[in-house]
Amino acid sequence: MSWVKAALAKLQAGEPAQVRPQGGSMRGRIESGQLVTITPAAHGDIAVGDVVFVRWKGNYLLHLVLAVEPDRLLIGNNVGKTNGWAAAADVIGKVVAVEV
């Protein structure tokens, strides 16, 4: 996943990242290959309904926020699957734009 490496490099430098993620788990909100802009984000910047770039079980995902608690957030895809709770520290960025 080269888009992940590109996003991590930019976001860890405090800059927004523009990437074209591949996959179908967010279809209906983000289609495979669409240009997505992700900005650095802290847990306090995240609300239910946001799409976040998050570290998840040794991987990185763009996933929907289903619930927010003080130290964690519940993530899932846009086609009905709930993945589980991710630690607040694993939030890397938030999607701010998806170009059609």
N, C-alpha and C. Protein backbone atom coordinates (compact mmCIF):
# COMPACT_ATOMS: atom_id res chain seq x y z
N MET A 1 0.83 -1.18 0.00
CA MET A 1 0.00 0.00 0.00
C MET A 1 0.88 1.24 0.00
N SER A 2 1.26 1.67 -1.16
CA SER A 2 2.14 2.84 -1.24
C SER A 2 1.43 4.12 -0.80
N TRP A 3 0.10 4.17 -0.95
CA TRP A 3 -0.60 5.38 -0.50
C TRP A 3 -0.46 5.56 1.00
N VAL A 4 -0.38 4.48 1.74
CA VAL A 4 -0.24 4.55 3.20
C VAL A 4 1.11 5.19 3.55
N LYS A 5 2.18 4.75 2.91
CA LYS A 5 3.50 5.31 3.18
C LYS A 5 3.54 6.80 2.86
N ALA A 6 2.95 7.18 1.74
CA ALA A 6 2.92 8.59 1.35
C ALA A 6 2.13 9.41 2.37
N ALA A 7 1.00 8.90 2.81
CA ALA A 7 0.18 9.61 3.79
C ALA A 7 0.91 9.73 5.12
N LEU A 8 1.51 8.64 5.58
CA LEU A 8 2.24 8.67 6.85
C LEU A 8 3.36 9.70 6.84
N ALA A 9 4.12 9.74 5.76
CA ALA A 9 5.24 10.68 5.66
C ALA A 9 4.76 12.12 5.79
N LYS A 10 3.71 12.46 5.08
CA LYS A 10 3.18 13.84 5.11
C LYS A 10 2.58 14.16 6.47
N LEU A 11 1.73 13.29 6.96
CA LEU A 11 1.02 13.56 8.22
C LEU A 11 1.98 13.62 9.41
N GLN A 12 2.99 12.76 9.42
CA GLN A 12 3.96 12.80 10.51
C GLN A 12 4.82 14.06 10.48
N ALA A 13 4.88 14.70 9.31
CA ALA A 13 5.58 15.98 9.18
C ALA A 13 4.64 17.15 9.47
N GLY A 14 3.40 16.84 9.84
CA GLY A 14 2.42 17.88 10.17
C GLY A 14 1.75 18.50 8.97
N GLU A 15 1.86 17.86 7.82
CA GLU A 15 1.30 18.40 6.58
C GLU A 15 0.10 17.57 6.13
N PRO A 16 -0.83 18.17 5.37
CA PRO A 16 -1.91 17.39 4.78
C PRO A 16 -1.36 16.43 3.72
N ALA A 17 -2.06 15.34 3.52
CA ALA A 17 -1.66 14.35 2.52
C ALA A 17 -2.79 14.18 1.52
N GLN A 18 -2.45 14.07 0.25
CA GLN A 18 -3.42 13.73 -0.78
C GLN A 18 -3.02 12.39 -1.35
N VAL A 19 -3.94 11.43 -1.27
CA VAL A 19 -3.65 10.06 -1.69
C VAL A 19 -4.84 9.49 -2.46
N ARG A 20 -4.58 8.39 -3.14
CA ARG A 20 -5.63 7.67 -3.87
C ARG A 20 -5.71 6.24 -3.32
N PRO A 21 -6.42 6.07 -2.20
CA PRO A 21 -6.49 4.73 -1.61
C PRO A 21 -7.24 3.75 -2.50
N GLN A 22 -6.88 2.49 -2.37
CA GLN A 22 -7.51 1.41 -3.14
C GLN A 22 -8.32 0.54 -2.18
N GLY A 23 -9.43 0.04 -2.66
CA GLY A 23 -10.24 -0.87 -1.85
C GLY A 23 -11.70 -0.50 -1.89
N GLY A 24 -12.52 -1.39 -1.38
CA GLY A 24 -13.96 -1.19 -1.47
C GLY A 24 -14.69 -1.04 -0.15
N SER A 25 -13.97 -1.03 0.97
CA SER A 25 -14.66 -1.01 2.26
C SER A 25 -15.35 0.31 2.56
N MET A 26 -14.96 1.37 1.88
CA MET A 26 -15.59 2.67 2.11
C MET A 26 -16.45 3.12 0.93
N ARG A 27 -16.76 2.18 0.01
CA ARG A 27 -17.54 2.55 -1.17
C ARG A 27 -18.86 3.20 -0.75
N GLY A 28 -19.26 4.15 -1.56
CA GLY A 28 -20.43 4.96 -1.23
C GLY A 28 -20.02 6.27 -0.59
N ARG A 29 -18.85 6.30 0.01
CA ARG A 29 -18.30 7.52 0.60
C ARG A 29 -16.96 7.86 -0.04
N ILE A 30 -16.11 6.82 -0.20
CA ILE A 30 -14.83 6.96 -0.89
C ILE A 30 -14.70 5.77 -1.83
N GLU A 31 -14.64 6.05 -3.12
CA GLU A 31 -14.49 4.98 -4.10
C GLU A 31 -13.01 4.70 -4.32
N SER A 32 -12.69 3.48 -4.65
CA SER A 32 -11.32 3.07 -4.90
C SER A 32 -10.66 3.98 -5.93
N GLY A 33 -9.54 4.56 -5.57
CA GLY A 33 -8.78 5.41 -6.49
C GLY A 33 -9.15 6.88 -6.46
N GLN A 34 -10.17 7.27 -5.70
CA GLN A 34 -10.52 8.68 -5.62
C GLN A 34 -9.45 9.45 -4.85
N LEU A 35 -9.29 10.73 -5.20
CA LEU A 35 -8.32 11.58 -4.51
C LEU A 35 -8.91 12.01 -3.16
N VAL A 36 -8.18 11.69 -2.10
CA VAL A 36 -8.62 11.96 -0.73
C VAL A 36 -7.59 12.86 -0.06
N THR A 37 -8.06 13.89 0.63
CA THR A 37 -7.18 14.75 1.41
C THR A 37 -7.36 14.42 2.88
N ILE A 38 -6.23 14.15 3.54
CA ILE A 38 -6.22 13.80 4.96
C ILE A 38 -5.36 14.84 5.67
N THR A 39 -5.87 15.36 6.79
CA THR A 39 -5.08 16.30 7.59
C THR A 39 -4.72 15.64 8.91
N PRO A 40 -3.60 16.08 9.52
CA PRO A 40 -3.28 15.55 10.84
C PRO A 40 -4.45 15.84 11.79
N ALA A 41 -4.72 14.93 12.70
CA ALA A 41 -5.82 15.12 13.63
C ALA A 41 -5.52 14.43 14.94
N ALA A 42 -5.96 15.06 16.00
CA ALA A 42 -5.87 14.46 17.33
C ALA A 42 -7.24 13.90 17.67
N HIS A 43 -7.29 13.05 18.66
CA HIS A 43 -8.54 12.40 19.07
C HIS A 43 -9.64 13.43 19.35
N GLY A 44 -9.29 14.56 19.94
CA GLY A 44 -10.27 15.59 20.26
C GLY A 44 -10.89 16.26 19.04
N ASP A 45 -10.29 16.07 17.87
CA ASP A 45 -10.80 16.65 16.62
C ASP A 45 -11.78 15.73 15.91
N ILE A 46 -12.04 14.55 16.47
CA ILE A 46 -12.81 13.52 15.78
C ILE A 46 -14.23 13.45 16.33
N ALA A 47 -15.20 13.31 15.41
CA ALA A 47 -16.60 13.18 15.78
C ALA A 47 -17.21 11.97 15.06
N VAL A 48 -18.32 11.49 15.57
CA VAL A 48 -19.06 10.41 14.91
C VAL A 48 -19.40 10.86 13.49
N GLY A 49 -19.16 9.97 12.53
CA GLY A 49 -19.42 10.28 11.13
C GLY A 49 -18.19 10.70 10.35
N ASP A 50 -17.11 11.07 11.06
CA ASP A 50 -15.85 11.41 10.38
C ASP A 50 -15.22 10.14 9.82
N VAL A 51 -14.38 10.31 8.81
CA VAL A 51 -13.55 9.22 8.31
C VAL A 51 -12.13 9.51 8.78
N VAL A 52 -11.52 8.54 9.44
CA VAL A 52 -10.18 8.73 9.99
C VAL A 52 -9.18 7.79 9.35
N PHE A 53 -7.94 8.22 9.37
CA PHE A 53 -6.80 7.40 9.00
C PHE A 53 -6.24 6.91 10.33
N VAL A 54 -6.30 5.61 10.55
CA VAL A 54 -6.02 5.06 11.86
C VAL A 54 -5.16 3.80 11.76
N ARG A 55 -4.31 3.63 12.75
CA ARG A 55 -3.52 2.41 12.86
C ARG A 55 -4.44 1.35 13.46
N TRP A 56 -4.52 0.17 12.82
CA TRP A 56 -5.44 -0.87 13.26
C TRP A 56 -4.80 -2.24 13.09
N LYS A 57 -4.48 -2.89 14.19
CA LYS A 57 -3.95 -4.26 14.19
C LYS A 57 -2.79 -4.45 13.22
N GLY A 58 -1.81 -3.55 13.29
CA GLY A 58 -0.62 -3.66 12.47
C GLY A 58 -0.77 -3.12 11.06
N ASN A 59 -1.92 -2.59 10.74
CA ASN A 59 -2.18 -2.01 9.42
C ASN A 59 -2.67 -0.58 9.59
N TYR A 60 -3.01 0.05 8.47
CA TYR A 60 -3.56 1.40 8.48
C TYR A 60 -4.82 1.37 7.63
N LEU A 61 -5.87 2.05 8.12
CA LEU A 61 -7.16 2.06 7.44
C LEU A 61 -7.71 3.46 7.35
N LEU A 62 -8.52 3.69 6.34
CA LEU A 62 -9.43 4.83 6.32
C LEU A 62 -10.78 4.24 6.69
N HIS A 63 -11.32 4.61 7.84
CA HIS A 63 -12.58 4.03 8.29
C HIS A 63 -13.47 5.07 8.95
N LEU A 64 -14.72 4.73 9.02
CA LEU A 64 -15.76 5.58 9.56
C LEU A 64 -15.77 5.50 11.08
N VAL A 65 -15.97 6.65 11.73
CA VAL A 65 -16.08 6.69 13.19
C VAL A 65 -17.54 6.46 13.56
N LEU A 66 -17.78 5.41 14.34
CA LEU A 66 -19.14 5.05 14.75
C LEU A 66 -19.47 5.53 16.16
N ALA A 67 -18.47 5.69 17.00
CA ALA A 67 -18.66 6.19 18.37
C ALA A 67 -17.33 6.74 18.87
N VAL A 68 -17.41 7.71 19.77
CA VAL A 68 -16.21 8.32 20.34
C VAL A 68 -16.32 8.30 21.86
N GLU A 69 -15.27 7.82 22.50
CA GLU A 69 -15.14 7.87 23.96
C GLU A 69 -13.84 8.62 24.26
N PRO A 70 -13.62 9.01 25.50
CA PRO A 70 -12.45 9.84 25.81
C PRO A 70 -11.10 9.27 25.37
N ASP A 71 -10.94 7.96 25.41
CA ASP A 71 -9.63 7.40 25.09
C ASP A 71 -9.65 6.41 23.92
N ARG A 72 -10.78 6.34 23.23
CA ARG A 72 -10.87 5.40 22.10
C ARG A 72 -12.02 5.78 21.17
N LEU A 73 -12.01 5.15 19.99
CA LEU A 73 -13.12 5.35 19.05
C LEU A 73 -13.47 4.04 18.39
N LEU A 74 -14.75 3.90 18.09
CA LEU A 74 -15.25 2.70 17.42
C LEU A 74 -15.23 2.96 15.93
N ILE A 75 -14.56 2.06 15.17
CA ILE A 75 -14.45 2.25 13.74
C ILE A 75 -15.13 1.12 12.98
N GLY A 76 -15.55 1.46 11.78
CA GLY A 76 -16.15 0.47 10.90
C GLY A 76 -16.04 0.94 9.47
N ASN A 77 -16.44 0.09 8.55
CA ASN A 77 -16.39 0.50 7.15
C ASN A 77 -17.72 1.14 6.76
N ASN A 78 -17.86 1.50 5.52
CA ASN A 78 -19.07 2.17 5.05
C ASN A 78 -20.09 1.19 4.47
N VAL A 79 -19.82 -0.10 4.62
CA VAL A 79 -20.76 -1.11 4.09
C VAL A 79 -21.30 -2.01 5.19
N GLY A 80 -21.29 -1.51 6.43
CA GLY A 80 -21.96 -2.21 7.51
C GLY A 80 -21.12 -2.99 8.51
N LYS A 81 -19.82 -3.11 8.30
CA LYS A 81 -18.99 -3.87 9.23
C LYS A 81 -18.43 -2.97 10.33
N THR A 82 -18.51 -3.42 11.55
CA THR A 82 -17.86 -2.75 12.67
C THR A 82 -16.57 -3.49 12.97
N ASN A 83 -15.46 -2.76 12.96
CA ASN A 83 -14.16 -3.38 13.23
C ASN A 83 -13.91 -3.54 14.72
N GLY A 84 -14.14 -2.47 15.48
CA GLY A 84 -13.89 -2.51 16.91
C GLY A 84 -13.35 -1.19 17.40
N TRP A 85 -12.88 -1.21 18.64
CA TRP A 85 -12.38 0.00 19.29
C TRP A 85 -10.91 0.20 18.98
N ALA A 86 -10.56 1.42 18.58
CA ALA A 86 -9.16 1.81 18.35
C ALA A 86 -8.77 2.83 19.41
N ALA A 87 -7.55 2.74 19.87
CA ALA A 87 -7.05 3.68 20.88
C ALA A 87 -6.95 5.09 20.29
N ALA A 88 -7.20 6.08 21.12
CA ALA A 88 -7.10 7.47 20.68
C ALA A 88 -5.71 7.76 20.09
N ALA A 89 -4.69 7.16 20.65
CA ALA A 89 -3.32 7.38 20.17
C ALA A 89 -3.10 6.84 18.76
N ASP A 90 -3.98 5.99 18.28
CA ASP A 90 -3.82 5.41 16.94
C ASP A 90 -4.45 6.24 15.84
N VAL A 91 -5.11 7.32 16.19
CA VAL A 91 -5.66 8.24 15.19
C VAL A 91 -4.52 9.06 14.62
N ILE A 92 -4.36 9.00 13.29
CA ILE A 92 -3.27 9.71 12.64
C ILE A 92 -3.78 10.94 11.89
N GLY A 93 -4.93 10.81 11.27
CA GLY A 93 -5.47 11.92 10.51
C GLY A 93 -6.95 11.77 10.26
N LYS A 94 -7.52 12.81 9.68
CA LYS A 94 -8.95 12.84 9.38
C LYS A 94 -9.14 13.26 7.91
N VAL A 95 -10.04 12.59 7.23
CA VAL A 95 -10.36 12.94 5.84
C VAL A 95 -11.15 14.24 5.84
N VAL A 96 -10.66 15.21 5.07
CA VAL A 96 -11.33 16.51 4.99
C VAL A 96 -11.91 16.78 3.60
N ALA A 97 -11.52 15.97 2.62
CA ALA A 97 -12.05 16.17 1.26
C ALA A 97 -11.90 14.88 0.46
N VAL A 98 -12.92 14.63 -0.38
CA VAL A 98 -12.89 13.53 -1.34
C VAL A 98 -13.30 14.13 -2.67
N GLU A 99 -12.41 14.08 -3.64
CA GLU A 99 -12.72 14.66 -4.95
C GLU A 99 -13.40 13.64 -5.83
N VAL A 100 -14.44 14.08 -6.47
CA VAL A 100 -15.24 13.20 -7.34
C VAL A 100 -14.52 12.96 -8.64
